[in-house]
C-alpha atoms as a PDB file:
ATOM      1  CA  MET A   1       0.089   0.035  -0.189  1.00  0.00           C
ATOM      2  CA  THR A   2       0.882   3.408  -0.452  1.00  0.00           C
ATOM      3  CA  ALA A   3       2.106   5.694   3.100  1.00  0.00           C
ATOM      4  CA  VAL A   4       3.235   8.486   3.842  1.00  0.00           C
ATOM      5  CA  PHE A   5       6.380   9.222   5.732  1.00  0.00           C
ATOM      6  CA  LEU A   6       7.797  12.819   7.666  1.00  0.00           C
ATOM      7  CA  PRO A   7      11.472  11.368   8.924  1.00  0.00           C
ATOM      8  CA  GLY A   8      12.264  15.748   9.559  1.00  0.00           C
ATOM      9  CA  ASN A   9      13.436  18.416   8.104  1.00  0.00           C
ATOM     10  CA  LYS A  10      10.883  19.702   5.772  1.00  0.00           C
ATOM     11  CA  GLN A  11      11.239  15.405   3.722  1.00  0.00           C
ATOM     12  CA  VAL A  12       8.161  14.067   2.296  1.00  0.00           C
ATOM     13  CA  GLU A  13       8.478  10.390   1.500  1.00  0.00           C
ATOM     14  CA  VAL A  14       5.733   8.333  -0.345  1.00  0.00           C
ATOM     15  CA  ARG A  15       6.463   4.407   0.382  1.00  0.00           C
ATOM     16  CA  ALA A  16       5.150   0.956  -0.800  1.00  0.00           C
ATOM     17  CA  VAL A  17       4.286  -0.561   2.838  1.00  0.00           C
ATOM     18  CA  PRO A  18       2.952  -4.180   3.241  1.00  0.00           C
ATOM     19  CA  VAL A  19      -0.736  -4.179   4.499  1.00  0.00           C
ATOM     20  CA  PRO A  20      -0.462  -4.556   7.952  1.00  0.00           C
ATOM     21  CA  GLU A  21      -1.814  -7.345   9.655  1.00  0.00           C
ATOM     22  CA  ILE A  22      -4.592  -7.074  11.813  1.00  0.00           C
ATOM     23  CA  GLY A  23      -4.755  -8.997  15.082  1.00  0.00           C
ATOM     24  CA  PRO A  24      -8.285 -10.607  17.477  1.00  0.00           C
ATOM     25  CA  ASP A  25      -9.269  -7.236  18.524  1.00  0.00           C
ATOM     26  CA  GLU A  26      -8.379  -4.938  15.945  1.00  0.00           C
ATOM     27  CA  VAL A  27      -9.766  -3.790  12.513  1.00  0.00           C
ATOM     28  CA  LEU A  28      -8.349  -3.095   9.233  1.00  0.00           C
ATOM     29  CA  VAL A  29      -9.887   0.955   8.231  1.00  0.00           C
ATOM     30  CA  GLU A  30      -9.448   1.711   4.458  1.00  0.00           C
ATOM     31  CA  ILE A  31      -9.139   5.359   4.662  1.00  0.00           C
ATOM     32  CA  LYS A  32     -11.006   7.366   2.583  1.00  0.00           C
ATOM     33  CA  ALA A  33      -9.256  10.462   3.767  1.00  0.00           C
ATOM     34  CA  SER A  34      -6.848  11.875   6.454  1.00  0.00           C
ATOM     35  CA  CYS A  35      -6.670  15.305   7.348  1.00  0.00           C
ATOM     36  CA  ILE A  36      -3.220  17.055   7.814  1.00  0.00           C
ATOM     37  CA  CYS A  37      -2.782  18.674  11.643  1.00  0.00           C
ATOM     38  CA  ARG A  38      -0.786  21.830  12.686  1.00  0.00           C
ATOM     39  CA  SER A  39       1.030  19.767  15.088  1.00  0.00           C
ATOM     40  CA  ASP A  40       2.377  17.062  11.564  1.00  0.00           C
ATOM     41  CA  LEU A  41       4.738  20.278  10.998  1.00  0.00           C
ATOM     42  CA  SER A  42       6.552  19.129  14.251  1.00  0.00           C
ATOM     43  CA  LEU A  43       7.238  15.827  12.397  1.00  0.00           C
ATOM     44  CA  TYR A  44       7.494  18.006   9.427  1.00  0.00           C
ATOM     45  CA  TYR A  45      10.258  19.913  10.892  1.00  0.00           C
ATOM     46  CA  GLY A  46      11.876  16.914  12.722  1.00  0.00           C
ATOM     47  CA  ASN A  47      11.034  18.276  15.983  1.00  0.00           C
ATOM     48  CA  ALA A  48       8.156  16.319  17.050  1.00  0.00           C
ATOM     49  CA  VAL A  49       5.644  17.487  19.984  1.00  0.00           C
ATOM     50  CA  ILE A  50       4.436  13.939  21.521  1.00  0.00           C
ATOM     51  CA  SER A  51       8.062  11.826  22.051  1.00  0.00           C
ATOM     52  CA  GLY A  52       8.525   9.062  21.845  1.00  0.00           C
ATOM     53  CA  GLY A  53       8.399   7.829  18.071  1.00  0.00           C
ATOM     54  CA  ASP A  54      10.422   7.602  14.880  1.00  0.00           C
ATOM     55  CA  SER A  55       8.829   9.929  12.282  1.00  0.00           C
ATOM     56  CA  ASN A  56      11.433   7.752   9.765  1.00  0.00           C
ATOM     57  CA  GLN A  57       9.353   4.648  10.847  1.00  0.00           C
ATOM     58  CA  PHE A  58       5.889   5.154  11.470  1.00  0.00           C
ATOM     59  CA  VAL A  59       2.955   6.383   8.993  1.00  0.00           C
ATOM     60  CA  CYS A  60       2.325   9.906   9.877  1.00  0.00           C
ATOM     61  CA  GLY A  61      -1.298  11.108  10.256  1.00  0.00           C
ATOM     62  CA  HIS A  62      -4.217  10.752  13.219  1.00  0.00           C
ATOM     63  CA  GLU A  63      -7.654  12.696  11.703  1.00  0.00           C
ATOM     64  CA  PRO A  64      -7.963   9.526   9.859  1.00  0.00           C
ATOM     65  CA  ALA A  65     -11.495   8.207   8.721  1.00  0.00           C
ATOM     66  CA  GLY A  66     -12.566   5.471   5.775  1.00  0.00           C
ATOM     67  CA  VAL A  67     -14.666   2.223   5.704  1.00  0.00           C
ATOM     68  CA  VAL A  68     -14.055  -1.410   7.690  1.00  0.00           C
ATOM     69  CA  VAL A  69     -12.684  -3.781   5.440  1.00  0.00           C
ATOM     70  CA  ARG A  70     -11.606  -6.778   7.560  1.00  0.00           C
ATOM     71  CA  VAL A  71     -12.248  -7.034  11.595  1.00  0.00           C
ATOM     72  CA  GLY A  72     -10.774  -9.388  14.096  1.00  0.00           C
ATOM     73  CA  GLU A  73     -12.079 -12.314  15.716  1.00  0.00           C
ATOM     74  CA  ALA A  74     -13.061 -10.918  19.022  1.00  0.00           C
ATOM     75  CA  VAL A  75     -14.654  -7.593  17.137  1.00  0.00           C
ATOM     76  CA  THR A  76     -18.427  -8.142  17.284  1.00  0.00           C
ATOM     77  CA  GLU A  77     -19.463  -3.910  17.399  1.00  0.00           C
ATOM     78  CA  PHE A  78     -17.932  -3.801  14.322  1.00  0.00           C
ATOM     79  CA  ALA A  79     -18.335  -4.836  10.447  1.00  0.00           C
ATOM     80  CA  GLU A  80     -16.973  -4.900   7.022  1.00  0.00           C
ATOM     81  CA  GLY A  81     -18.754  -1.402   4.863  1.00  0.00           C
ATOM     82  CA  ASP A  82     -18.829   0.789   8.438  1.00  0.00           C
ATOM     83  CA  ASP A  83     -18.380   3.886   7.791  1.00  0.00           C
ATOM     84  CA  VAL A  84     -16.202   4.873  10.566  1.00  0.00           C
ATOM     85  CA  ALA A  85     -13.801   7.675  12.268  1.00  0.00           C
ATOM     86  CA  VAL A  86     -10.747   7.245  14.442  1.00  0.00           C
ATOM     87  CA  TYR A  87      -9.704   8.642  17.561  1.00  0.00           C
ATOM     88  CA  LEU A  88      -5.984   9.143  18.153  1.00  0.00           C
ATOM     89  CA  GLY A  89      -5.248   7.984  21.429  1.00  0.00           C
ATOM     90  CA  VAL A  90      -4.861   3.795  21.794  1.00  0.00           C
ATOM     91  CA  GLY A  91      -4.696   3.194  25.529  1.00  0.00           C
ATOM     92  CA  CYS A  92      -4.214   0.613  27.390  1.00  0.00           C
ATOM     93  CA  GLY A  93      -8.004  -0.315  27.949  1.00  0.00           C
ATOM     94  CA  VAL A  94      -8.340  -0.612  31.674  1.00  0.00           C
ATOM     95  CA  CYS A  95      -6.731   2.175  33.510  1.00  0.00           C
ATOM     96  CA  HIS A  96      -8.999   5.403  34.872  1.00  0.00           C
ATOM     97  CA  HIS A  97      -8.541   7.413  32.200  1.00  0.00           C
ATOM     98  CA  CYS A  98      -9.874   5.138  29.177  1.00  0.00           C
ATOM     99  CA  ARG A  99     -12.169   3.764  31.644  1.00  0.00           C
ATOM    100  CA  THR A 100     -13.392   7.389  31.355  1.00  0.00           C
ATOM    101  CA  GLY A 101     -13.033   7.895  27.502  1.00  0.00           C
ATOM    102  CA  HIS A 102      -9.455   9.776  27.589  1.00  0.00           C
ATOM    103  CA  PHE A 103      -7.084   7.339  26.313  1.00  0.00           C
ATOM    104  CA  TYR A 104      -5.080  10.139  25.288  1.00  0.00           C
ATOM    105  CA  LEU A 105      -4.698  10.974  29.129  1.00  0.00           C
ATOM    106  CA  CYS A 106      -3.074   7.023  29.641  1.00  0.00           C
ATOM    107  CA  ALA A 107       0.043   6.668  30.863  1.00  0.00           C
ATOM    108  CA  LYS A 108       0.448   3.568  28.171  1.00  0.00           C
ATOM    109  CA  TRP A 109      -0.858   5.619  24.997  1.00  0.00           C
ATOM    110  CA  LYS A 110       0.393   5.651  21.666  1.00  0.00           C
ATOM    111  CA  CYS A 111      -0.754   8.353  19.783  1.00  0.00           C
ATOM    112  CA  LEU A 112      -1.452   7.319  15.543  1.00  0.00           C
ATOM    113  CA  GLY A 113       1.089   9.479  13.493  1.00  0.00           C
ATOM    114  CA  PHE A 114       3.316  10.315  15.932  1.00  0.00           C
ATOM    115  CA  THR A 115       4.108   6.634  18.587  1.00  0.00           C
ATOM    116  CA  MET A 116       2.250   3.860  16.372  1.00  0.00           C
ATOM    117  CA  ASP A 117       1.118   3.728  12.379  1.00  0.00           C
ATOM    118  CA  GLY A 118      -1.309   6.581  11.523  1.00  0.00           C
ATOM    119  CA  GLY A 119      -4.006   7.564   8.476  1.00  0.00           C
ATOM    120  CA  ASN A 120      -1.973   9.415   5.853  1.00  0.00           C
ATOM    121  CA  ALA A 121      -1.564   5.489   3.966  1.00  0.00           C
ATOM    122  CA  GLU A 122      -4.049   3.448   2.121  1.00  0.00           C
ATOM    123  CA  PHE A 123      -4.887   1.245   5.339  1.00  0.00           C
ATOM    124  CA  LEU A 124      -4.812   1.891   8.280  1.00  0.00           C
ATOM    125  CA  ARG A 125      -4.785  -0.932  11.727  1.00  0.00           C
ATOM    126  CA  VAL A 126      -6.335   0.379  14.911  1.00  0.00           C
ATOM    127  CA  PRO A 127      -8.149  -0.790  17.659  1.00  0.00           C
ATOM    128  CA  ALA A 128     -11.631  -1.943  17.903  1.00  0.00           C
ATOM    129  CA  ARG A 129     -12.219   0.261  20.752  1.00  0.00           C
ATOM    130  CA  ASN A 130     -10.914   3.056  19.112  1.00  0.00           C
ATOM    131  CA  LEU A 131     -13.617   3.525  15.879  1.00  0.00           C
ATOM    132  CA  LEU A 132     -16.184   6.796  15.761  1.00  0.00           C
ATOM    133  CA  ARG A 133     -19.314   5.786  14.314  1.00  0.00           C
ATOM    134  CA  THR A 134     -19.806   7.982  11.506  1.00  0.00           C
ATOM    135  CA  PRO A 135     -24.329   8.619  10.793  1.00  0.00           C
ATOM    136  CA  LYS A 136     -25.289   7.702   7.301  1.00  0.00           C
ATOM    137  CA  GLY A 137     -24.966  11.140   5.041  1.00  0.00           C
ATOM    138  CA  MET A 138     -21.472  12.229   6.185  1.00  0.00           C
ATOM    139  CA  SER A 139     -19.130  12.386   3.893  1.00  0.00           C
ATOM    140  CA  HIS A 140     -15.409  10.289   4.762  1.00  0.00           C
ATOM    141  CA  LEU A 141     -14.181  14.335   4.192  1.00  0.00           C
ATOM    142  CA  ALA A 142     -16.577  15.148   7.355  1.00  0.00           C
ATOM    143  CA  ALA A 143     -15.666  12.481   9.364  1.00  0.00           C
ATOM    144  CA  ALA A 144     -12.042  13.201   9.006  1.00  0.00           C
ATOM    145  CA  ILE A 145     -12.680  17.070  10.299  1.00  0.00           C
ATOM    146  CA  SER A 146     -15.257  16.010  12.628  1.00  0.00           C
ATOM    147  CA  THR A 147     -12.479  14.461  15.207  1.00  0.00           C
ATOM    148  CA  ASP A 148      -9.030  16.045  15.774  1.00  0.00           C
ATOM    149  CA  ALA A 149     -10.563  19.681  14.351  1.00  0.00           C
ATOM    150  CA  PHE A 150     -13.323  20.517  15.145  1.00  0.00           C
ATOM    151  CA  GLY A 151     -14.016  17.825  18.157  1.00  0.00           C
ATOM    152  CA  THR A 152     -11.197  19.304  19.843  1.00  0.00           C
ATOM    153  CA  LEU A 153     -12.481  22.796  19.525  1.00  0.00           C
ATOM    154  CA  PHE A 154     -16.102  21.495  20.579  1.00  0.00           C
ATOM    155  CA  SER A 155     -14.319  20.192  23.492  1.00  0.00           C
ATOM    156  CA  ALA A 156     -13.042  23.605  23.977  1.00  0.00           C
ATOM    157  CA  ALA A 157     -16.422  25.197  23.754  1.00  0.00           C
ATOM    158  CA  ARG A 158     -18.421  22.738  26.557  1.00  0.00           C
ATOM    159  CA  LYS A 159     -15.289  23.097  28.958  1.00  0.00           C
ATOM    160  CA  LEU A 160     -15.787  27.190  28.726  1.00  0.00           C
ATOM    161  CA  GLY A 161     -19.315  26.820  29.006  1.00  0.00           C
ATOM    162  CA  VAL A 162     -20.732  28.776  25.507  1.00  0.00           C
ATOM    163  CA  ASN A 163     -23.124  29.518  25.530  1.00  0.00           C
ATOM    164  CA  GLY A 164     -26.584  32.116  24.148  1.00  0.00           C
ATOM    165  CA  LEU A 165     -24.967  34.966  27.210  1.00  0.00           C
ATOM    166  CA  SER A 166     -20.739  34.209  25.559  1.00  0.00           C
ATOM    167  CA  ARG A 167     -18.611  36.365  24.450  1.00  0.00           C
ATOM    168  CA  ILE A 168     -15.820  34.212  22.814  1.00  0.00           C
ATOM    169  CA  GLY A 169     -12.563  35.279  21.482  1.00  0.00           C
ATOM    170  CA  ILE A 170     -10.560  33.313  19.258  1.00  0.00           C
ATOM    171  CA  TRP A 171      -6.988  33.959  18.507  1.00  0.00           C
ATOM    172  CA  GLY A 172      -5.782  32.070  15.571  1.00  0.00           C
ATOM    173  CA  MET A 173      -7.549  31.072  12.249  1.00  0.00           C
ATOM    174  CA  GLY A 174      -6.140  28.706  11.211  1.00  0.00           C
ATOM    175  CA  PRO A 175      -8.256  25.329  10.818  1.00  0.00           C
ATOM    176  CA  MET A 176      -8.776  25.117  14.704  1.00  0.00           C
ATOM    177  CA  GLY A 177     -10.216  28.515  15.339  1.00  0.00           C
ATOM    178  CA  ALA A 178     -11.648  28.216  12.300  1.00  0.00           C
ATOM    179  CA  ALA A 179     -13.860  24.915  13.685  1.00  0.00           C
ATOM    180  CA  GLY A 180     -13.402  26.860  16.952  1.00  0.00           C
ATOM    181  CA  THR A 181     -16.220  29.641  15.266  1.00  0.00           C
ATOM    182  CA  LEU A 182     -18.343  27.134  14.119  1.00  0.00           C
ATOM    183  CA  ALA A 183     -18.556  24.732  17.172  1.00  0.00           C
ATOM    184  CA  ALA A 184     -18.565  28.470  19.114  1.00  0.00           C
ATOM    185  CA  LYS A 185     -20.906  30.249  16.871  1.00  0.00           C
ATOM    186  CA  ALA A 186     -23.461  26.886  16.631  1.00  0.00           C
ATOM    187  CA  MET A 187     -23.673  26.900  21.001  1.00  0.00           C
ATOM    188  CA  GLY A 188     -25.506  30.017  21.206  1.00  0.00           C
ATOM    189  CA  GLY A 189     -21.913  32.113  21.105  1.00  0.00           C
ATOM    190  CA  ARG A 190     -21.263  35.348  20.045  1.00  0.00           C
ATOM    191  CA  VAL A 191     -17.269  35.257  18.456  1.00  0.00           C
ATOM    192  CA  VAL A 192     -14.278  37.722  17.558  1.00  0.00           C
ATOM    193  CA  ALA A 193     -11.900  36.179  15.447  1.00  0.00           C
ATOM    194  CA  LEU A 194      -8.333  37.187  15.317  1.00  0.00           C
ATOM    195  CA  ASP A 195      -5.479  36.558  12.649  1.00  0.00           C
ATOM    196  CA  PRO A 196      -3.036  38.971  10.970  1.00  0.00           C
ATOM    197  CA  ILE A 197      -3.403  36.846   7.552  1.00  0.00           C
ATOM    198  CA  ALA A 198      -6.319  39.172   6.098  1.00  0.00           C
ATOM    199  CA  GLU A 199      -7.136  35.696   3.927  1.00  0.00           C
ATOM    200  CA  ARG A 200      -7.644  33.997   7.194  1.00  0.00           C
ATOM    201  CA  ARG A 201      -9.607  36.663   8.835  1.00  0.00           C
ATOM    202  CA  ASP A 202     -12.132  36.917   5.759  1.00  0.00           C
ATOM    203  CA  PHE A 203     -12.649  32.843   6.233  1.00  0.00           C
ATOM    204  CA  ALA A 204     -13.646  33.230   9.689  1.00  0.00           C
ATOM    205  CA  ARG A 205     -16.581  36.404   8.659  1.00  0.00           C
ATOM    206  CA  SER A 206     -17.759  33.447   5.992  1.00  0.00           C
ATOM    207  CA  LEU A 207     -18.434  31.366   9.101  1.00  0.00           C
ATOM    208  CA  GLY A 208     -20.164  33.314  11.155  1.00  0.00           C
ATOM    209  CA  ALA A 209     -17.822  35.870  12.503  1.00  0.00           C
ATOM    210  CA  ASP A 210     -20.073  38.028  14.814  1.00  0.00           C
ATOM    211  CA  LEU A 211     -16.477  40.775  14.165  1.00  0.00           C
ATOM    212  CA  VAL A 212     -13.254  39.972  12.643  1.00  0.00           C
ATOM    213  CA  LEU A 213      -9.729  41.553  13.595  1.00  0.00           C
ATOM    214  CA  ASP A 214      -5.807  41.918  12.631  1.00  0.00           C
ATOM    215  CA  PRO A 215      -4.498  41.541  16.804  1.00  0.00           C
ATOM    216  CA  ARG A 216      -1.529  44.024  15.704  1.00  0.00           C
ATOM    217  CA  ASP A 217      -3.784  46.579  14.844  1.00  0.00           C
ATOM    218  CA  ALA A 218      -3.415  49.425  17.311  1.00  0.00           C
ATOM    219  CA  SER A 219      -7.144  49.738  18.600  1.00  0.00           C
ATOM    220  CA  ALA A 220      -8.310  45.858  18.538  1.00  0.00           C
ATOM    221  CA  ALA A 221      -8.283  46.177  22.272  1.00  0.00           C
ATOM    222  CA  ASP A 222     -10.601  49.085  22.300  1.00  0.00           C
ATOM    223  CA  GLN A 223     -12.795  47.263  19.780  1.00  0.00           C
ATOM    224  CA  ILE A 224     -12.819  43.552  21.645  1.00  0.00           C
ATOM    225  CA  ARG A 225     -13.997  46.160  24.710  1.00  0.00           C
ATOM    226  CA  GLU A 226     -16.729  47.469  22.860  1.00  0.00           C
ATOM    227  CA  PHE A 227     -17.921  44.405  21.514  1.00  0.00           C
ATOM    228  CA  ALA A 228     -17.789  42.891  24.448  1.00  0.00           C
ATOM    229  CA  GLY A 229     -19.672  45.727  26.167  1.00  0.00           C
ATOM    230  CA  GLY A 230     -17.213  46.892  28.065  1.00  0.00           C
ATOM    231  CA  GLU A 231     -17.652  43.601  30.215  1.00  0.00           C
ATOM    232  CA  GLY A 232     -14.451  42.083  29.075  1.00  0.00           C
ATOM    233  CA  LEU A 233     -14.886  38.335  27.293  1.00  0.00           C
ATOM    234  CA  THR A 234     -16.605  35.331  29.147  1.00  0.00           C
ATOM    235  CA  GLY A 235     -14.200  33.145  27.297  1.00  0.00           C
ATOM    236  CA  ALA A 236     -11.245  33.112  24.773  1.00  0.00           C
ATOM    237  CA  VAL A 237      -9.462  30.245  22.895  1.00  0.00           C
ATOM    238  CA  ASP A 238      -5.853  30.342  21.528  1.00  0.00           C
ATOM    239  CA  CYS A 239      -4.897  28.486  19.086  1.00  0.00           C
ATOM    240  CA  SER A 240      -1.721  30.626  18.307  1.00  0.00           C
ATOM    241  CA  GLY A 241       0.762  29.382  20.486  1.00  0.00           C
ATOM    242  CA  GLN A 242       1.615  32.845  21.053  1.00  0.00           C
ATOM    243  CA  SER A 243       2.841  34.440  23.949  1.00  0.00           C
ATOM    244  CA  VAL A 244       1.337  37.952  22.832  1.00  0.00           C
ATOM    245  CA  ALA A 245      -1.958  35.642  21.878  1.00  0.00           C
ATOM    246  CA  HIS A 246      -1.633  34.677  25.527  1.00  0.00           C
ATOM    247  CA  ASN A 247      -1.796  38.095  26.917  1.00  0.00           C
ATOM    248  CA  MET A 248      -4.082  39.676  24.625  1.00  0.00           C
ATOM    249  CA  ALA A 249      -7.013  37.539  25.437  1.00  0.00           C
ATOM    250  CA  LEU A 250      -5.857  37.854  29.121  1.00  0.00           C
ATOM    251  CA  ASP A 251      -6.446  40.518  29.091  1.00  0.00           C
ATOM    252  CA  ALA A 252     -10.032  40.843  27.128  1.00  0.00           C
ATOM    253  CA  LEU A 253     -11.037  38.562  29.533  1.00  0.00           C
ATOM    254  CA  ALA A 254     -13.825  39.321  31.719  1.00  0.00           C
ATOM    255  CA  PRO A 255     -13.749  38.769  35.786  1.00  0.00           C
ATOM    256  CA  MET A 256     -14.480  35.169  36.043  1.00  0.00           C
ATOM    257  CA  GLY A 257     -13.328  33.945  32.605  1.00  0.00           C
ATOM    258  CA  LYS A 258     -11.805  31.241  30.853  1.00  0.00           C
ATOM    259  CA  LEU A 259      -9.147  30.959  28.641  1.00  0.00           C
ATOM    260  CA  ALA A 260      -8.457  27.732  26.851  1.00  0.00           C
ATOM    261  CA  LEU A 261      -4.972  26.585  25.854  1.00  0.00           C
ATOM    262  CA  VAL A 262      -5.154  24.738  22.521  1.00  0.00           C
ATOM    263  CA  GLY A 263      -1.916  25.591  20.745  1.00  0.00           C
ATOM    264  CA  GLU A 264       1.268  23.610  21.050  1.00  0.00           C
ATOM    265  CA  ALA A 265       3.534  26.153  22.627  1.00  0.00           C
ATOM    266  CA  ALA A 266       7.049  25.331  24.543  1.00  0.00           C
ATOM    267  CA  SER A 267       6.651  28.734  26.905  1.00  0.00           C
ATOM    268  CA  THR A 268       4.847  31.374  27.742  1.00  0.00           C
ATOM    269  CA  THR A 269       5.224  34.692  29.832  1.00  0.00           C
ATOM    270  CA  ILE A 270       2.155  35.944  31.513  1.00  0.00           C
ATOM    271  CA  LYS A 271       1.510  38.962  34.558  1.00  0.00           C
ATOM    272  CA  PRO A 272      -0.780  36.314  36.693  1.00  0.00           C
ATOM    273  CA  SER A 273      -1.739  39.393  39.684  1.00  0.00           C
ATOM    274  CA  ASP A 274      -2.834  41.348  36.929  1.00  0.00           C
ATOM    275  CA  GLN A 275      -4.797  38.564  34.418  1.00  0.00           C
ATOM    276  CA  LEU A 276      -5.705  35.876  36.452  1.00  0.00           C
ATOM    277  CA  ILE A 277      -6.009  36.506  40.415  1.00  0.00           C
ATOM    278  CA  ARG A 278      -7.234  39.940  40.984  1.00  0.00           C
ATOM    279  CA  LYS A 279      -9.660  38.770  38.369  1.00  0.00           C
ATOM    280  CA  GLN A 280     -10.692  35.116  39.273  1.00  0.00           C
ATOM    281  CA  VAL A 281      -9.281  34.022  35.572  1.00  0.00           C
ATOM    282  CA  THR A 282      -9.192  30.090  34.881  1.00  0.00           C
ATOM    283  CA  VAL A 283      -6.809  29.583  32.774  1.00  0.00           C
ATOM    284  CA  PHE A 284      -6.645  25.427  30.888  1.00  0.00           C
ATOM    285  CA  GLY A 285      -5.761  23.486  28.343  1.00  0.00           C
ATOM    286  CA  SER A 286      -7.569  21.762  25.684  1.00  0.00           C
ATOM    287  CA  TRP A 287      -6.158  18.913  24.376  1.00  0.00           C
ATOM    288  CA  TYR A 288      -8.441  16.631  21.760  1.00  0.00           C
ATOM    289  CA  PHE A 289     -11.623  15.020  23.493  1.00  0.00           C
ATOM    290  CA  GLY A 290     -13.240  12.515  25.919  1.00  0.00           C
ATOM    291  CA  ILE A 291     -13.988   9.553  23.191  1.00  0.00           C
ATOM    292  CA  ASP A 292     -17.707   9.565  25.247  1.00  0.00           C
ATOM    293  CA  GLU A 293     -18.538  13.125  23.674  1.00  0.00           C
ATOM    294  CA  TYR A 294     -18.042  12.230  20.188  1.00  0.00           C
ATOM    295  CA  ALA A 295     -22.184  11.608  20.160  1.00  0.00           C
ATOM    296  CA  ASP A 296     -22.818  15.225  21.063  1.00  0.00           C
ATOM    297  CA  ILE A 297     -20.254  16.212  18.032  1.00  0.00           C
ATOM    298  CA  LEU A 298     -22.475  14.219  15.787  1.00  0.00           C
ATOM    299  CA  ARG A 299     -25.299  15.512  17.501  1.00  0.00           C
ATOM    300  CA  LEU A 300     -24.317  19.780  17.032  1.00  0.00           C
ATOM    301  CA  ILE A 301     -23.117  18.909  13.268  1.00  0.00           C
ATOM    302  CA  GLU A 302     -26.365  17.425  12.465  1.00  0.00           C
ATOM    303  CA  THR A 303     -28.712  19.615  14.482  1.00  0.00           C
ATOM    304  CA  HIS A 304     -27.332  22.817  12.918  1.00  0.00           C
ATOM    305  CA  ALA A 305     -26.200  21.580   9.702  1.00  0.00           C
ATOM    306  CA  ILE A 306     -22.682  22.449   9.845  1.00  0.00           C
ATOM    307  CA  ASP A 307     -20.930  21.777   6.719  1.00  0.00           C
ATOM    308  CA  LEU A 308     -17.525  21.190   7.852  1.00  0.00           C
ATOM    309  CA  GLU A 309     -16.356  20.948   4.237  1.00  0.00           C
ATOM    310  CA  ARG A 310     -16.086  24.249   4.085  1.00  0.00           C
ATOM    311  CA  LEU A 311     -13.274  23.886   6.644  1.00  0.00           C
ATOM    312  CA  ALA A 312     -11.000  21.909   3.530  1.00  0.00           C
ATOM    313  CA  THR A 313      -9.936  24.092   1.341  1.00  0.00           C
ATOM    314  CA  HIS A 314      -7.257  21.796  -0.058  1.00  0.00           C
ATOM    315  CA  THR A 315      -7.948  18.389  -1.014  1.00  0.00           C
ATOM    316  CA  PHE A 316      -4.832  15.898  -2.090  1.00  0.00           C
ATOM    317  CA  ALA A 317      -3.850  12.414  -3.413  1.00  0.00           C
ATOM    318  CA  LEU A 318      -1.167  10.631  -1.772  1.00  0.00           C
ATOM    319  CA  HIS A 319       1.196  10.805  -4.087  1.00  0.00           C
ATOM    320  CA  GLU A 320       1.033  14.756  -3.338  1.00  0.00           C
ATOM    321  CA  ALA A 321       2.024  14.609  -0.169  1.00  0.00           C
ATOM    322  CA  GLU A 322       5.268  16.394  -0.686  1.00  0.00           C
ATOM    323  CA  THR A 323       3.242  19.583  -2.136  1.00  0.00           C
ATOM    324  CA  ALA A 324       0.617  19.378   0.292  1.00  0.00           C
ATOM    325  CA  PHE A 325       2.505  19.697   3.697  1.00  0.00           C
ATOM    326  CA  ARG A 326       4.562  22.114   1.205  1.00  0.00           C
ATOM    327  CA  MET A 327       0.869  24.510   1.708  1.00  0.00           C
ATOM    328  CA  PHE A 328      -0.042  24.235   5.161  1.00  0.00           C
ATOM    329  CA  ASP A 329       3.093  24.923   5.894  1.00  0.00           C
ATOM    330  CA  ALA A 330       3.130  28.005   3.949  1.00  0.00           C
ATOM    331  CA  ARG A 331      -0.378  28.781   5.053  1.00  0.00           C
ATOM    332  CA  GLU A 332      -2.036  28.724   2.181  1.00  0.00           C
ATOM    333  CA  THR A 333      -4.273  26.203   2.935  1.00  0.00           C
ATOM    334  CA  GLU A 334      -6.802  26.315   5.816  1.00  0.00           C
ATOM    335  CA  LYS A 335      -7.294  22.343   6.255  1.00  0.00           C
ATOM    336  CA  ALA A 336      -5.767  20.503   3.412  1.00  0.00           C
ATOM    337  CA  VAL A 337      -7.272  16.395   3.369  1.00  0.00           C
ATOM    338  CA  PHE A 338      -5.303  13.761   1.535  1.00  0.00           C
ATOM    339  CA  VAL A 339      -9.025  11.721  -0.013  1.00  0.00           C
ATOM    340  CA  ARG A 340      -8.933   8.145  -1.940  1.00  0.00           C
END
C-alpha cells in the first residue's frame, strides 16, 4: 500500500509498504480521508510535539476516516462496510483515564502518526475500541474533520460553557480556530475572531464570526471591549500558541472569565497578578476530546447543519504529499486533506 512518512528536515516520503495484519481485537480501515494538522509540522521539521516515536518508522496522520474492511475474530460491535472515523489515542483500555474515555491521558498511550502508524495511507490497523461510528450521509471528508479539528474545539467550547450569553474571542484562524468559530456559533455564542492573515480573517467572517480583527491593530483591544459591552469576554480560546496572544486574551477577559489553551507552545510569559489572580480568571489546557463526547459532537453537527467540508480548502492524493505539506506549512490552505 501507499503511505506517507515525515523523516524530518521538511522531507516528505511516499513509500510502498505492506498492508498491516490485524489482531483479534483490531480492525483494518480503508482510509478515505485523512487531514493534515498543525502538530504534524513538528514531525515535518523534526521536533515532534509527542515524543517516543520515530517519524522515519511510523506512517504520519492522526485524523483519518474510512471504511472497515476487515475485523478481528474478537470484534463484535463493528463489521465490514461500516463507515468510521478514528480516535487518535490508543490507551491500555483498563486504567482510570481509558475507562473514562480519555485514552490520550493513559500512561501507556500511543498516538496515531507519532508513536504508531497513522492514517496517511491506504489502510490503517487500529483497536476496534478506537473506532467512531459515523452517521449515514456524513462524508468521509467531514468525518475526518469532525475528530481533531472540530471535536477538539467542541470540547474546548464546552469547557468554557459557551451559550447564548457568551462573548468568545478566538486567537488564530487556522483550521482549529476556524472550527472553533463554527462550534462556538452553533452553541449560541457571539465570536470575535483574530488573525494577522487577511485571507484567514475573511474566511472567519464567512463562517459567521461576529467581529473579525487583526490582532496587530492598535485599536483591536478597544474594539474587543466595545464588542463585549465594556465588560470583557466571558471566554477565549488560543489556537496560535503565541505569548502575545495569551496576554491579549487574558487582558480581554472579564472577571471570572476562562481561557482555553489549544495551540501548542513550549513556553509563555504572562502577568499572573493582574491577569489571573485579581480577576479570578481560569486558564486551562484543552487537548483533543473524550471519546464519550463524540455522540454530542455529531449531534451538534447534525442539529445545526454544520458544513465541515467548508474547512477543507484543499484536497490531495497521497502521492501529492510533498506539495500538500509545503502548502500547509506556508499557510496557503486551511484544512488540507488526503482523499481517495
